[in-house]
Amino acid sequence: MKSAIFYLALATLFTHELDAMPNHEWRGMPVLGSFSDDVAMTWFVLLHIPLFAGLIALVANGNARTRLLSRLVIGAFLIVHGVLHYLKMGDPTYEFSSVTSHALIFGGAVLGAAYLALEAKGGMRGVAA
């Protein structure tokens, strides 16, 4: 169950990045926001190739410690990511307003928190044993 929740959480992040395209997420980013939409969009897309490849490699790593740490960091990131999106609401460059966008962003945060809670519960059980 823990793995399923993690993979659903990761899927919300990947799908959110698809949703970021029509919502022009790069406009609110420090560096990319200074470029024209065409240039920023191209870089936004291309930079996700090594980002996604790296994330997939880390969470599927053969080393159990690397795999666990990666999953914990991604779970925590999803929470922080949700908070950052919440704080960005109202900014003129922020276009994520649909139910789908919110479900992906905040659903990912909830799933990330659930995964971390399950890991903590399992870790506490392991310590008590």
Protein backbone atom coordinates (compact mmCIF):
# COMPACT_ATOMS: atom_id res chain seq x y z
CA MET A 1 0.00 0.00 0.00
CA LYS A 2 2.84 2.35 0.86
CA SER A 3 4.41 1.92 -2.57
CA ALA A 4 1.08 2.44 -4.31
CA ILE A 5 0.56 5.72 -2.45
CA PHE A 6 4.06 6.84 -3.32
CA TYR A 7 3.63 6.03 -7.02
CA LEU A 8 0.28 7.83 -7.09
CA ALA A 9 1.95 10.83 -5.45
CA LEU A 10 4.74 10.79 -8.03
CA ALA A 11 2.17 10.44 -10.81
CA THR A 12 0.39 13.57 -9.58
CA LEU A 13 3.68 15.46 -9.84
CA PHE A 14 4.35 14.24 -13.37
CA THR A 15 0.77 14.93 -14.44
CA HIS A 16 0.89 18.36 -12.81
CA GLU A 17 3.80 19.16 -15.11
CA LEU A 18 1.58 18.29 -18.08
CA ASP A 19 -1.05 20.62 -16.61
CA ALA A 20 1.66 23.28 -16.20
CA MET A 21 1.90 23.72 -19.96
CA PRO A 22 -1.51 25.34 -20.61
CA ASN A 23 -1.10 27.23 -17.32
CA HIS A 24 2.24 28.77 -18.36
CA GLU A 25 4.00 27.82 -15.12
CA TRP A 26 7.32 29.13 -16.42
CA ARG A 27 5.96 32.71 -16.26
CA GLY A 28 6.15 32.60 -12.47
CA MET A 29 9.65 31.09 -12.32
CA PRO A 30 12.64 33.30 -11.51
CA VAL A 31 14.78 32.65 -14.59
CA LEU A 32 12.35 31.28 -17.14
CA GLY A 33 9.84 34.05 -16.44
CA SER A 34 12.22 36.60 -17.93
CA PHE A 35 12.24 34.95 -21.38
CA SER A 36 9.63 35.08 -24.13
CA ASP A 37 6.93 32.42 -23.86
CA ASP A 38 8.34 30.44 -26.80
CA VAL A 39 11.86 30.30 -25.37
CA ALA A 40 10.72 29.70 -21.78
CA MET A 41 8.29 26.97 -22.79
CA THR A 42 10.98 25.16 -24.77
CA TRP A 43 13.41 25.25 -21.85
CA PHE A 44 10.67 24.28 -19.41
CA VAL A 45 9.90 21.16 -21.45
CA LEU A 46 13.51 20.21 -22.14
CA LEU A 47 14.62 20.62 -18.51
CA HIS A 48 11.98 18.11 -17.46
CA ILE A 49 13.72 15.33 -19.41
CA PRO A 50 16.76 15.07 -17.10
CA LEU A 51 14.61 15.95 -14.08
CA PHE A 52 12.17 13.09 -14.68
CA ALA A 53 14.95 10.68 -15.69
CA GLY A 54 16.79 11.48 -12.45
CA LEU A 55 13.69 11.09 -10.30
CA ILE A 56 12.78 7.76 -11.88
CA ALA A 57 16.36 6.50 -11.49
CA LEU A 58 16.44 7.50 -7.83
CA VAL A 59 13.09 6.06 -6.77
CA ALA A 60 13.77 2.79 -8.61
CA ASN A 61 17.41 2.56 -7.54
CA GLY A 62 18.75 -0.88 -6.62
CA ASN A 63 20.21 0.52 -3.40
CA ALA A 64 17.45 0.40 -0.77
CA ARG A 65 18.83 3.39 1.17
CA THR A 66 19.01 5.58 -1.96
CA ARG A 67 15.53 4.49 -2.96
CA LEU A 68 14.06 5.23 0.47
CA LEU A 69 15.78 8.61 0.87
CA SER A 70 14.67 9.63 -2.62
CA ARG A 71 11.09 8.69 -1.89
CA LEU A 72 11.14 10.54 1.44
CA VAL A 73 12.53 13.68 -0.22
CA ILE A 74 9.92 13.53 -2.98
CA GLY A 75 7.15 13.03 -0.40
CA ALA A 76 8.37 16.08 1.51
CA PHE A 77 8.80 18.05 -1.72
CA LEU A 78 5.18 17.39 -2.68
CA ILE A 79 4.05 18.99 0.58
CA VAL A 80 6.33 22.01 0.09
CA HIS A 81 5.23 22.20 -3.56
CA GLY A 82 1.58 22.37 -2.46
CA VAL A 83 2.37 25.13 0.04
CA LEU A 84 4.28 27.10 -2.61
CA HIS A 85 1.36 26.84 -5.01
CA TYR A 86 -1.02 27.95 -2.28
CA LEU A 87 1.15 30.98 -1.54
CA LYS A 88 1.38 31.83 -5.24
CA MET A 89 -2.41 32.05 -5.67
CA GLY A 90 -3.39 35.62 -6.43
CA ASP A 91 -0.12 36.35 -8.24
CA PRO A 92 -0.86 37.67 -11.74
CA THR A 93 1.38 34.99 -13.30
CA TYR A 94 -0.45 32.18 -11.50
CA GLU A 95 -2.96 30.45 -13.78
CA PHE A 96 -3.71 27.19 -11.94
CA SER A 97 -7.37 27.63 -11.07
CA SER A 98 -9.17 24.52 -12.33
CA VAL A 99 -10.39 21.66 -10.17
CA THR A 100 -8.00 19.39 -12.07
CA SER A 101 -5.02 21.65 -11.32
CA HIS A 102 -5.90 21.84 -7.65
CA ALA A 103 -6.50 18.09 -7.43
CA LEU A 104 -3.07 17.39 -8.89
CA ILE A 105 -1.21 19.95 -6.75
CA PHE A 106 -2.94 19.48 -3.42
CA GLY A 107 -3.76 15.82 -3.97
CA GLY A 108 -0.04 15.28 -4.51
CA ALA A 109 0.67 17.06 -1.23
CA VAL A 110 -1.84 14.87 0.62
CA LEU A 111 -0.44 11.71 -0.97
CA GLY A 112 3.11 12.84 -0.13
CA ALA A 113 2.07 13.39 3.49
CA ALA A 114 0.30 10.02 3.59
CA TYR A 115 3.41 8.29 2.25
CA LEU A 116 5.63 10.01 4.84
CA ALA A 117 3.16 9.08 7.60
CA LEU A 118 3.19 5.43 6.52
CA GLU A 119 6.99 5.42 6.41
CA ALA A 120 7.13 6.98 9.88
CA LYS A 121 4.62 4.43 11.20
CA GLY A 122 6.64 1.58 9.72
CA GLY A 123 9.86 3.06 11.10
CA MET A 124 8.42 3.39 14.58
CA ARG A 125 7.21 -0.20 14.46
CA GLY A 126 10.70 -1.26 13.38
CA VAL A 127 12.26 0.66 16.30
CA ALA A 128 9.87 -0.87 18.83
CA ALA A 129 10.57 -4.39 17.63
